[in-house]
N, C-alpha and C. Protein backbone atom coordinates (compact mmCIF):
# COMPACT_ATOMS: atom_id res chain seq x y z
N MET A 1 -67.88 -162.89 -224.71
CA MET A 1 -67.31 -163.70 -225.53
C MET A 1 -66.29 -162.74 -226.42
N ALA A 2 -65.16 -163.14 -226.03
CA ALA A 2 -64.07 -162.26 -227.04
C ALA A 2 -64.31 -161.89 -228.80
N LYS A 3 -64.17 -160.98 -229.03
CA LYS A 3 -63.98 -160.88 -230.26
C LYS A 3 -63.01 -160.86 -231.35
N LYS A 4 -62.94 -161.54 -232.31
CA LYS A 4 -61.43 -161.49 -233.00
C LYS A 4 -61.44 -160.20 -233.91
N THR A 5 -60.26 -159.81 -233.95
CA THR A 5 -59.94 -158.61 -234.84
C THR A 5 -58.80 -158.47 -235.62
N ARG A 6 -58.55 -158.16 -236.45
CA ARG A 6 -57.29 -157.69 -237.37
C ARG A 6 -56.38 -156.94 -236.25
N GLN A 7 -54.85 -157.05 -236.46
CA GLN A 7 -53.90 -155.72 -235.25
C GLN A 7 -53.87 -154.82 -235.73
N THR A 8 -54.18 -153.85 -234.82
CA THR A 8 -53.64 -152.53 -235.06
C THR A 8 -53.23 -152.08 -234.02
N LYS A 9 -52.76 -150.95 -233.89
CA LYS A 9 -52.25 -150.23 -232.64
C LYS A 9 -53.19 -150.18 -231.75
N GLU A 10 -54.57 -150.03 -232.01
CA GLU A 10 -55.58 -149.78 -230.88
C GLU A 10 -56.00 -151.35 -230.24
N THR A 11 -55.62 -152.67 -230.93
CA THR A 11 -55.62 -153.71 -230.43
C THR A 11 -54.79 -154.18 -229.53
N THR A 12 -53.68 -153.43 -229.34
CA THR A 12 -52.61 -153.46 -228.34
C THR A 12 -52.98 -153.29 -227.19
N ARG A 13 -54.01 -152.56 -227.20
CA ARG A 13 -54.46 -151.85 -225.71
C ARG A 13 -55.58 -153.03 -225.27
N GLY A 14 -55.68 -153.03 -224.00
CA GLY A 14 -57.07 -153.89 -223.52
C GLY A 14 -56.60 -154.75 -222.89
N ILE A 15 -57.61 -156.43 -223.12
CA ILE A 15 -57.28 -157.72 -223.20
C ILE A 15 -57.07 -158.15 -224.02
N VAL A 16 -55.79 -158.23 -224.38
CA VAL A 16 -55.12 -158.73 -225.86
C VAL A 16 -55.23 -160.16 -225.44
N LEU A 17 -55.52 -161.31 -226.61
CA LEU A 17 -55.53 -162.54 -226.39
C LEU A 17 -55.02 -163.01 -227.83
N THR A 18 -54.04 -163.94 -227.66
CA THR A 18 -54.17 -164.87 -229.08
C THR A 18 -55.10 -165.95 -228.92
N PRO A 19 -55.11 -166.47 -230.15
CA PRO A 19 -56.07 -167.28 -230.52
C PRO A 19 -56.12 -168.80 -229.59
N GLU A 20 -54.53 -169.01 -229.38
CA GLU A 20 -54.06 -169.86 -228.06
C GLU A 20 -54.50 -169.39 -227.06
N GLY A 21 -54.37 -168.16 -226.42
CA GLY A 21 -54.57 -167.91 -225.05
C GLY A 21 -56.06 -168.05 -224.99
N TYR A 22 -56.62 -167.63 -226.17
CA TYR A 22 -58.08 -167.61 -225.86
C TYR A 22 -58.71 -168.88 -225.18
N GLU A 23 -57.98 -169.91 -226.15
CA GLU A 23 -58.38 -171.23 -225.91
C GLU A 23 -58.12 -171.82 -224.52
N LYS A 24 -56.99 -171.51 -223.96
CA LYS A 24 -56.26 -171.52 -222.89
C LYS A 24 -57.52 -170.96 -221.61
N VAL A 25 -57.51 -169.80 -221.94
CA VAL A 25 -58.84 -168.79 -220.57
C VAL A 25 -60.23 -169.85 -220.68
N LEU A 26 -60.46 -170.01 -222.01
CA LEU A 26 -61.66 -170.99 -222.17
C LEU A 26 -61.95 -172.32 -221.02
N LYS A 27 -60.52 -173.19 -221.60
CA LYS A 27 -60.66 -174.30 -220.89
C LYS A 27 -60.53 -174.09 -219.67
N GLU A 28 -59.80 -173.11 -219.11
CA GLU A 28 -59.65 -173.53 -217.92
C GLU A 28 -61.03 -173.06 -217.10
N LEU A 29 -61.37 -171.78 -217.44
CA LEU A 29 -62.88 -171.70 -217.10
C LEU A 29 -63.95 -172.83 -217.22
N GLU A 30 -63.97 -173.40 -217.98
CA GLU A 30 -64.84 -175.01 -217.99
C GLU A 30 -64.27 -175.67 -217.02
N HIS A 31 -63.49 -175.97 -216.66
CA HIS A 31 -62.71 -176.81 -215.69
C HIS A 31 -62.90 -176.29 -214.14
N LEU A 32 -62.90 -174.87 -213.93
CA LEU A 32 -63.23 -174.50 -212.91
C LEU A 32 -64.95 -174.63 -212.64
N LYS A 33 -65.80 -174.31 -213.65
CA LYS A 33 -67.06 -174.35 -213.46
C LYS A 33 -67.43 -175.79 -213.42
N LEU A 34 -67.16 -176.43 -214.10
CA LEU A 34 -67.81 -177.92 -214.22
C LEU A 34 -66.80 -179.07 -212.99
N VAL A 35 -65.67 -178.69 -212.77
CA VAL A 35 -64.98 -179.61 -212.08
C VAL A 35 -64.85 -179.17 -210.67
N ARG A 36 -64.09 -177.92 -210.65
CA ARG A 36 -64.08 -177.48 -209.49
C ARG A 36 -64.97 -176.75 -208.46
N ARG A 37 -65.94 -176.50 -209.13
CA ARG A 37 -66.85 -175.92 -208.41
C ARG A 37 -67.63 -177.41 -207.51
N LYS A 38 -67.92 -178.26 -208.35
CA LYS A 38 -68.32 -179.21 -207.62
C LYS A 38 -67.77 -179.87 -206.51
N GLU A 39 -66.14 -180.02 -206.84
CA GLU A 39 -65.24 -180.59 -205.76
C GLU A 39 -65.33 -179.70 -204.40
N VAL A 40 -65.42 -178.10 -204.44
CA VAL A 40 -65.51 -177.41 -203.51
C VAL A 40 -66.79 -177.55 -202.75
N ALA A 41 -67.93 -177.65 -203.55
CA ALA A 41 -69.18 -177.67 -202.91
C ALA A 41 -69.23 -178.72 -202.37
N GLU A 42 -68.60 -180.14 -202.51
CA GLU A 42 -69.04 -181.29 -201.53
C GLU A 42 -67.90 -181.22 -200.58
N ARG A 43 -67.04 -180.47 -200.35
CA ARG A 43 -66.28 -179.98 -199.39
C ARG A 43 -66.47 -179.46 -198.11
N ILE A 44 -67.37 -178.44 -198.56
CA ILE A 44 -68.27 -177.36 -198.02
C ILE A 44 -69.33 -178.38 -197.34
N ARG A 45 -69.91 -179.15 -198.16
CA ARG A 45 -71.22 -180.11 -197.58
C ARG A 45 -70.67 -180.86 -196.52
N GLU A 46 -69.51 -181.55 -196.73
CA GLU A 46 -68.93 -182.97 -195.92
C GLU A 46 -68.25 -181.75 -194.47
N ALA A 47 -67.61 -180.68 -194.38
CA ALA A 47 -67.24 -180.13 -193.62
C ALA A 47 -68.33 -179.33 -192.92
N LYS A 48 -69.98 -179.31 -193.12
CA LYS A 48 -70.78 -178.99 -192.57
C LYS A 48 -71.21 -180.09 -191.66
N GLN A 49 -71.07 -180.98 -191.85
CA GLN A 49 -71.40 -182.11 -190.67
C GLN A 49 -70.65 -182.29 -189.61
N PHE A 50 -69.46 -181.43 -189.76
CA PHE A 50 -68.68 -181.54 -188.51
C PHE A 50 -69.08 -180.53 -187.39
N GLY A 51 -70.39 -180.28 -187.34
CA GLY A 51 -70.70 -179.14 -186.47
C GLY A 51 -70.72 -177.91 -186.43
N GLU A 52 -70.82 -177.19 -185.56
CA GLU A 52 -70.76 -175.94 -185.23
C GLU A 52 -69.82 -175.05 -186.01
N PHE A 53 -69.83 -174.05 -186.80
CA PHE A 53 -69.25 -173.49 -187.99
C PHE A 53 -68.38 -172.54 -187.46
N SER A 54 -68.62 -171.96 -186.35
CA SER A 54 -67.47 -171.13 -185.62
C SER A 54 -66.29 -171.75 -185.27
N GLU A 55 -66.26 -173.06 -185.02
CA GLU A 55 -65.24 -173.88 -184.89
C GLU A 55 -64.72 -174.79 -185.49
N ASN A 56 -65.44 -174.65 -186.87
CA ASN A 56 -64.78 -175.70 -187.95
C ASN A 56 -64.09 -175.17 -188.69
N SER A 57 -62.56 -175.41 -188.51
CA SER A 57 -61.62 -174.93 -189.42
C SER A 57 -61.60 -175.64 -190.81
N GLU A 58 -62.37 -176.65 -191.10
CA GLU A 58 -62.37 -177.16 -192.47
C GLU A 58 -63.52 -176.71 -193.26
N TYR A 59 -64.46 -175.96 -192.77
CA TYR A 59 -65.62 -175.56 -193.05
C TYR A 59 -64.75 -174.21 -193.74
N GLU A 60 -64.05 -173.31 -192.97
CA GLU A 60 -63.59 -172.08 -193.16
C GLU A 60 -62.87 -172.44 -194.15
N ARG A 61 -61.58 -172.96 -194.32
CA ARG A 61 -61.12 -173.38 -195.66
C ARG A 61 -61.91 -173.89 -196.49
N ALA A 62 -62.67 -174.59 -197.01
CA ALA A 62 -63.61 -174.47 -197.62
C ALA A 62 -64.44 -173.28 -198.41
N LYS A 63 -64.48 -172.63 -197.47
CA LYS A 63 -65.14 -171.55 -197.78
C LYS A 63 -64.25 -170.27 -198.60
N SER A 64 -63.27 -170.37 -197.78
CA SER A 64 -62.07 -169.48 -198.25
C SER A 64 -61.72 -170.20 -199.81
N GLU A 65 -61.40 -171.16 -199.86
CA GLU A 65 -61.41 -171.71 -201.23
C GLU A 65 -62.22 -171.43 -202.31
N GLN A 66 -63.86 -171.67 -201.82
CA GLN A 66 -64.55 -171.59 -202.87
C GLN A 66 -64.77 -169.84 -203.08
N SER A 67 -64.18 -168.81 -202.13
CA SER A 67 -64.11 -167.56 -202.65
C SER A 67 -63.09 -167.38 -203.89
N VAL A 68 -62.01 -168.02 -203.50
CA VAL A 68 -60.99 -167.62 -204.28
C VAL A 68 -61.53 -167.95 -205.51
N LEU A 69 -61.88 -169.35 -205.95
CA LEU A 69 -62.50 -169.98 -206.95
C LEU A 69 -63.69 -169.35 -207.98
N GLU A 70 -64.31 -168.52 -206.74
CA GLU A 70 -65.46 -167.76 -207.67
C GLU A 70 -64.83 -166.56 -207.95
N GLY A 71 -63.96 -166.02 -207.57
CA GLY A 71 -62.93 -164.81 -207.78
C GLY A 71 -62.38 -165.11 -209.37
N ARG A 72 -61.93 -166.08 -209.29
CA ARG A 72 -61.21 -166.53 -210.59
C ARG A 72 -62.12 -166.64 -211.62
N ILE A 73 -63.03 -167.25 -211.38
CA ILE A 73 -64.32 -167.53 -212.29
C ILE A 73 -64.73 -166.32 -212.77
N LEU A 74 -64.98 -165.35 -212.34
CA LEU A 74 -65.23 -164.23 -212.51
C LEU A 74 -64.25 -163.08 -213.08
N GLU A 75 -62.98 -163.19 -213.13
CA GLU A 75 -62.15 -162.84 -213.77
C GLU A 75 -61.61 -163.82 -215.13
N LEU A 76 -61.67 -164.87 -215.26
CA LEU A 76 -61.70 -165.39 -216.66
C LEU A 76 -63.08 -164.93 -217.35
N GLU A 77 -64.49 -164.98 -216.90
CA GLU A 77 -65.45 -164.23 -217.43
C GLU A 77 -65.00 -162.73 -218.02
N ARG A 78 -64.45 -161.91 -217.41
CA ARG A 78 -64.19 -160.60 -217.46
C ARG A 78 -63.32 -160.38 -218.93
N ILE A 79 -62.08 -161.68 -218.89
CA ILE A 79 -61.41 -161.64 -220.16
C ILE A 79 -61.96 -162.07 -221.26
N LEU A 80 -62.81 -162.95 -221.41
CA LEU A 80 -63.29 -163.20 -221.99
C LEU A 80 -64.37 -162.37 -222.87
N GLN A 81 -65.36 -161.54 -221.70
CA GLN A 81 -66.07 -161.00 -222.42
C GLN A 81 -65.57 -159.70 -222.91
N TYR A 82 -64.48 -158.70 -222.10
CA TYR A 82 -63.60 -157.78 -223.01
C TYR A 82 -62.30 -158.06 -223.89
N GLY A 83 -62.20 -159.42 -223.87
CA GLY A 83 -60.80 -159.76 -224.66
C GLY A 83 -61.12 -159.50 -225.97
N VAL A 84 -59.79 -159.32 -226.62
CA VAL A 84 -59.63 -159.03 -228.23
C VAL A 84 -58.88 -160.46 -228.61
N VAL A 85 -59.18 -161.25 -229.64
CA VAL A 85 -58.46 -162.08 -230.06
C VAL A 85 -58.12 -161.53 -231.18
N VAL A 86 -56.23 -161.24 -231.43
CA VAL A 86 -55.85 -160.80 -232.55
C VAL A 86 -55.36 -161.74 -233.43
N GLU A 87 -55.91 -161.69 -234.78
CA GLU A 87 -55.83 -162.52 -235.78
C GLU A 87 -54.44 -162.55 -236.00
N GLU A 88 -53.58 -163.52 -236.57
CA GLU A 88 -52.05 -163.62 -236.79
C GLU A 88 -52.64 -163.35 -238.48
N PRO A 89 -51.53 -162.32 -238.89
CA PRO A 89 -51.31 -162.31 -240.35
C PRO A 89 -51.01 -163.32 -241.15
N LYS A 90 -51.65 -163.31 -242.36
CA LYS A 90 -51.42 -164.52 -243.26
C LYS A 90 -49.97 -164.18 -244.10
N GLY A 91 -49.32 -165.49 -244.34
CA GLY A 91 -48.19 -165.58 -245.05
C GLY A 91 -46.91 -165.41 -244.06
N LYS A 92 -46.18 -165.17 -244.80
CA LYS A 92 -44.67 -164.85 -243.48
C LYS A 92 -44.56 -163.57 -242.71
N PRO A 93 -44.68 -163.25 -241.46
CA PRO A 93 -44.57 -162.43 -240.84
C PRO A 93 -43.48 -161.16 -241.46
N LYS A 94 -44.36 -159.94 -241.82
CA LYS A 94 -43.13 -159.11 -242.27
C LYS A 94 -42.46 -157.99 -240.97
N GLN A 95 -43.53 -158.15 -240.10
CA GLN A 95 -42.82 -157.17 -238.77
C GLN A 95 -43.39 -158.04 -237.55
N VAL A 96 -42.84 -157.58 -236.27
CA VAL A 96 -43.71 -158.15 -235.13
C VAL A 96 -44.96 -157.77 -234.59
N VAL A 97 -45.90 -158.78 -234.36
CA VAL A 97 -47.10 -158.24 -233.96
C VAL A 97 -47.16 -159.11 -232.71
N VAL A 98 -48.37 -159.24 -232.24
CA VAL A 98 -48.77 -160.22 -231.01
C VAL A 98 -48.88 -161.55 -231.14
N GLY A 99 -48.62 -162.52 -230.98
CA GLY A 99 -48.59 -163.78 -231.46
C GLY A 99 -47.08 -164.27 -232.30
N SER A 100 -46.38 -163.12 -232.44
CA SER A 100 -45.44 -163.24 -233.56
C SER A 100 -44.14 -164.15 -232.22
N VAL A 101 -43.72 -164.94 -232.91
CA VAL A 101 -42.25 -165.55 -231.78
C VAL A 101 -41.20 -164.99 -232.75
N VAL A 102 -40.33 -164.32 -232.25
CA VAL A 102 -39.12 -163.65 -232.81
C VAL A 102 -38.06 -163.67 -231.90
N LYS A 103 -37.03 -163.94 -232.87
CA LYS A 103 -35.67 -164.80 -232.24
C LYS A 103 -34.59 -163.35 -232.53
N VAL A 104 -34.13 -163.01 -231.16
CA VAL A 104 -33.46 -161.95 -231.45
C VAL A 104 -31.86 -162.09 -230.86
N ARG A 105 -30.92 -160.86 -230.60
CA ARG A 105 -29.59 -161.16 -230.40
C ARG A 105 -29.37 -160.06 -229.60
N GLU A 106 -29.12 -160.20 -228.26
CA GLU A 106 -28.64 -159.01 -227.77
C GLU A 106 -27.38 -158.52 -227.71
N ILE A 107 -27.62 -156.99 -228.29
CA ILE A 107 -26.47 -156.21 -228.85
C ILE A 107 -24.96 -156.34 -227.68
N ASP A 108 -25.33 -156.26 -226.72
CA ASP A 108 -24.21 -156.44 -225.49
C ASP A 108 -23.65 -157.41 -225.52
N THR A 109 -24.54 -158.62 -225.20
CA THR A 109 -23.83 -160.01 -224.94
C THR A 109 -23.61 -160.82 -226.50
N GLY A 110 -24.34 -160.56 -227.31
CA GLY A 110 -24.33 -161.34 -228.31
C GLY A 110 -24.97 -162.81 -228.11
N GLU A 111 -25.69 -162.85 -226.94
CA GLU A 111 -26.65 -164.04 -226.75
C GLU A 111 -27.97 -163.87 -227.38
N GLU A 112 -28.39 -165.15 -227.97
CA GLU A 112 -29.70 -165.07 -228.69
C GLU A 112 -30.56 -165.84 -227.77
N SER A 113 -31.77 -165.34 -228.01
CA SER A 113 -33.11 -165.57 -227.17
C SER A 113 -34.34 -165.65 -228.52
N GLU A 114 -35.07 -166.41 -227.83
CA GLU A 114 -36.74 -166.15 -228.88
C GLU A 114 -37.61 -166.24 -227.90
N TYR A 115 -38.68 -165.51 -227.95
CA TYR A 115 -39.86 -164.67 -227.44
C TYR A 115 -41.25 -164.89 -228.36
N LYS A 116 -42.31 -165.49 -227.75
CA LYS A 116 -43.17 -165.19 -228.09
C LYS A 116 -44.30 -163.92 -227.73
N ILE A 117 -44.71 -162.93 -228.59
CA ILE A 117 -45.14 -161.87 -228.17
C ILE A 117 -46.48 -162.16 -228.09
N VAL A 118 -47.00 -161.95 -226.45
CA VAL A 118 -48.62 -162.23 -226.20
C VAL A 118 -49.08 -161.04 -225.40
N GLY A 119 -50.30 -161.24 -225.09
CA GLY A 119 -51.20 -159.82 -224.12
C GLY A 119 -50.77 -160.57 -222.57
N PRO A 120 -51.19 -159.18 -221.68
CA PRO A 120 -50.68 -159.52 -220.61
C PRO A 120 -51.05 -160.78 -219.99
N VAL A 121 -52.44 -161.37 -220.13
CA VAL A 121 -53.14 -162.37 -219.51
C VAL A 121 -52.30 -163.69 -219.80
N GLU A 122 -51.27 -163.68 -221.59
CA GLU A 122 -51.13 -164.97 -221.17
C GLU A 122 -49.38 -164.86 -221.24
N ALA A 123 -48.63 -163.92 -220.56
CA ALA A 123 -47.37 -163.76 -220.30
C ALA A 123 -46.96 -164.66 -219.46
N ASP A 124 -45.69 -165.13 -219.67
CA ASP A 124 -45.52 -166.42 -218.89
C ASP A 124 -43.96 -166.24 -219.12
N PRO A 125 -42.73 -165.61 -218.64
CA PRO A 125 -41.29 -165.75 -218.68
C PRO A 125 -40.86 -167.24 -218.91
N ASP A 126 -41.37 -167.91 -217.86
CA ASP A 126 -40.67 -169.23 -217.98
C ASP A 126 -40.78 -170.43 -219.33
N GLU A 127 -41.91 -169.67 -220.00
CA GLU A 127 -42.38 -170.43 -221.22
C GLU A 127 -41.84 -169.32 -222.20
N LYS A 128 -40.88 -168.66 -222.10
CA LYS A 128 -40.34 -167.42 -223.06
C LYS A 128 -41.63 -166.49 -223.84
N LYS A 129 -42.59 -166.26 -223.05
CA LYS A 129 -43.98 -165.80 -223.31
C LYS A 129 -43.82 -164.13 -222.94
N ILE A 130 -43.39 -163.23 -223.57
CA ILE A 130 -43.48 -161.79 -223.00
C ILE A 130 -44.81 -161.50 -223.47
N SER A 131 -45.06 -159.74 -222.74
CA SER A 131 -46.11 -159.40 -223.23
C SER A 131 -46.10 -158.19 -224.07
N ASN A 132 -46.97 -157.76 -224.67
CA ASN A 132 -47.01 -156.72 -225.74
C ASN A 132 -46.63 -155.48 -224.69
N GLU A 133 -47.13 -155.44 -223.52
CA GLU A 133 -46.81 -154.16 -222.76
C GLU A 133 -45.70 -153.95 -221.69
N SER A 134 -44.72 -154.95 -221.97
CA SER A 134 -43.62 -155.03 -221.06
C SER A 134 -42.55 -154.40 -222.01
N PRO A 135 -41.40 -153.84 -221.37
CA PRO A 135 -40.55 -152.82 -222.14
C PRO A 135 -39.87 -153.38 -223.13
N VAL A 136 -39.58 -154.93 -223.18
CA VAL A 136 -38.94 -155.58 -224.28
C VAL A 136 -39.95 -155.65 -225.27
N GLY A 137 -41.41 -156.11 -224.95
CA GLY A 137 -42.34 -156.73 -226.26
C GLY A 137 -42.81 -155.68 -226.78
N GLU A 138 -42.93 -154.65 -226.15
CA GLU A 138 -43.45 -153.08 -226.50
C GLU A 138 -42.20 -152.55 -227.73
N ALA A 139 -40.78 -152.30 -227.31
CA ALA A 139 -39.64 -152.11 -228.21
C ALA A 139 -40.21 -153.15 -229.14
N LEU A 140 -40.21 -154.46 -229.41
CA LEU A 140 -39.94 -155.53 -230.44
C LEU A 140 -41.37 -155.52 -231.34
N LEU A 141 -42.49 -154.79 -231.01
CA LEU A 141 -43.96 -154.58 -231.73
C LEU A 141 -43.70 -153.51 -232.81
N GLY A 142 -43.79 -153.87 -234.13
CA GLY A 142 -43.65 -153.65 -235.36
C GLY A 142 -42.23 -153.37 -235.98
N CYS A 143 -41.45 -154.36 -235.21
CA CYS A 143 -39.80 -154.28 -235.44
C CYS A 143 -39.82 -155.09 -237.18
N LYS A 144 -39.04 -155.11 -237.94
CA LYS A 144 -38.84 -156.13 -238.69
C LYS A 144 -37.21 -156.88 -238.68
N VAL A 145 -37.10 -157.98 -239.58
CA VAL A 145 -35.93 -158.56 -239.48
C VAL A 145 -34.89 -157.58 -239.73
N GLY A 146 -33.92 -157.56 -239.04
CA GLY A 146 -32.65 -156.56 -239.19
C GLY A 146 -32.59 -155.68 -238.34
N ASP A 147 -33.90 -154.88 -237.81
CA ASP A 147 -33.86 -153.87 -236.90
C ASP A 147 -33.31 -154.16 -235.70
N THR A 148 -32.81 -152.89 -235.16
CA THR A 148 -32.26 -152.66 -233.90
C THR A 148 -33.42 -152.26 -232.80
N CYS A 149 -33.94 -152.49 -231.60
CA CYS A 149 -34.69 -151.79 -230.80
C CYS A 149 -33.67 -151.80 -229.43
N SER A 150 -34.54 -150.89 -228.71
CA SER A 150 -34.05 -150.66 -227.15
C SER A 150 -34.93 -150.72 -226.38
N ALA A 151 -35.01 -151.35 -225.56
CA ALA A 151 -35.76 -151.00 -224.26
C ALA A 151 -35.33 -150.66 -222.55
N THR A 152 -35.88 -149.94 -222.00
CA THR A 152 -35.53 -149.74 -220.78
C THR A 152 -36.35 -150.55 -219.63
N THR A 153 -35.28 -151.64 -219.24
CA THR A 153 -36.05 -152.43 -217.80
C THR A 153 -36.42 -151.98 -216.55
N PRO A 154 -37.18 -152.54 -215.75
CA PRO A 154 -37.51 -152.07 -214.51
C PRO A 154 -36.60 -151.50 -213.67
N ASN A 155 -35.57 -152.05 -214.00
CA ASN A 155 -34.56 -151.58 -213.22
C ASN A 155 -33.58 -150.36 -213.37
N GLY A 156 -34.44 -150.24 -214.51
CA GLY A 156 -33.53 -148.66 -215.13
C GLY A 156 -32.35 -148.74 -216.24
N SER A 157 -32.02 -150.21 -216.40
CA SER A 157 -30.73 -150.25 -217.41
C SER A 157 -31.47 -150.20 -218.70
N SER A 158 -30.25 -150.08 -219.72
CA SER A 158 -31.34 -150.35 -220.96
C SER A 158 -30.65 -151.46 -221.78
N ILE A 159 -31.36 -151.88 -222.64
CA ILE A 159 -31.12 -153.34 -223.54
C ILE A 159 -31.20 -153.27 -224.99
N SER A 160 -30.34 -153.78 -225.72
CA SER A 160 -30.70 -153.49 -227.19
C SER A 160 -30.72 -154.86 -227.94
N TYR A 161 -31.93 -155.03 -228.79
CA TYR A 161 -31.88 -156.46 -229.40
C TYR A 161 -31.68 -156.12 -230.96
N LYS A 162 -31.15 -157.23 -231.52
CA LYS A 162 -31.63 -157.02 -232.93
C LYS A 162 -32.09 -158.24 -233.41
N VAL A 163 -33.55 -158.03 -234.44
CA VAL A 163 -34.28 -159.04 -234.90
C VAL A 163 -33.92 -159.77 -235.64
N LEU A 164 -33.42 -160.98 -235.40
CA LEU A 164 -33.07 -162.07 -236.42
C LEU A 164 -34.07 -162.61 -237.19
N ASN A 165 -35.23 -162.88 -236.87
CA ASN A 165 -36.15 -163.96 -237.23
C ASN A 165 -37.65 -163.25 -236.84
N ILE A 166 -38.70 -163.62 -237.45
CA ILE A 166 -39.96 -163.45 -237.07
C ILE A 166 -40.81 -164.80 -237.88
N SER A 167 -41.33 -165.30 -236.94
CA SER A 167 -42.16 -166.32 -237.41
C SER A 167 -43.88 -166.25 -236.70
N LYS A 168 -44.36 -167.45 -237.12
CA LYS A 168 -45.98 -167.50 -236.47
C LYS A 168 -45.85 -168.59 -235.39
N GLN A 169 -44.88 -169.50 -235.52
CA GLN A 169 -44.82 -170.83 -234.40
C GLN A 169 -43.48 -170.73 -233.88
N SER A 170 -43.50 -171.43 -232.71
CA SER A 170 -41.89 -171.52 -231.89
C SER A 170 -41.48 -173.23 -232.28
N ARG A 171 -40.58 -172.98 -232.83
CA ARG A 171 -39.78 -174.48 -233.17
C ARG A 171 -39.79 -175.57 -232.06
N HIS A 172 -40.07 -174.49 -230.70
CA HIS A 172 -40.16 -175.57 -229.72
C HIS A 172 -41.42 -175.41 -228.63
N ALA A 173 -42.40 -175.26 -229.61
CA ALA A 173 -43.83 -175.25 -229.44
C ALA A 173 -44.25 -176.67 -228.64
N ASN A 174 -43.98 -177.53 -229.48
CA ASN A 174 -44.55 -178.74 -228.73
C ASN A 174 -43.22 -179.85 -228.12
N ARG A 175 -42.40 -179.05 -227.00
CA ARG A 175 -41.94 -179.51 -226.36
C ARG A 175 -42.30 -180.95 -225.39
């Protein structure tokens, strides 16, 4: 079971989860164990009725799916076992921490973006959730409104942002 902790530099290492991310992992694990396991077991049972296993492609596909499913279950259990759920600070955030929603302006282009800083397990660029271990996420950690930070992207270029706002929840969270 993941433990809860206040944020410090040490909690930004390891398997970092926001409370929302913890719940998402817990729900996925529950679904896989209670629903998907039964579905895959039923597919294996049905496939066994088709005879010789060495020539039964449906059986092989079902066993392969079972292997992937069990691997994912083990991964989620490991995340929950070794995860650290970081608690959001009380009151208005003074600096960027895991769980913060930060609005920034790119210095070179003037383009504004809003990102939620999360642990690597929760990162999803399509949802504007960036990992605290990514170059931009790491650069933003600890920044305050008005600060400028720079990050080196994986392609080697440098990008600079000015922090415009820090909040706990995205205005677009319930899209």
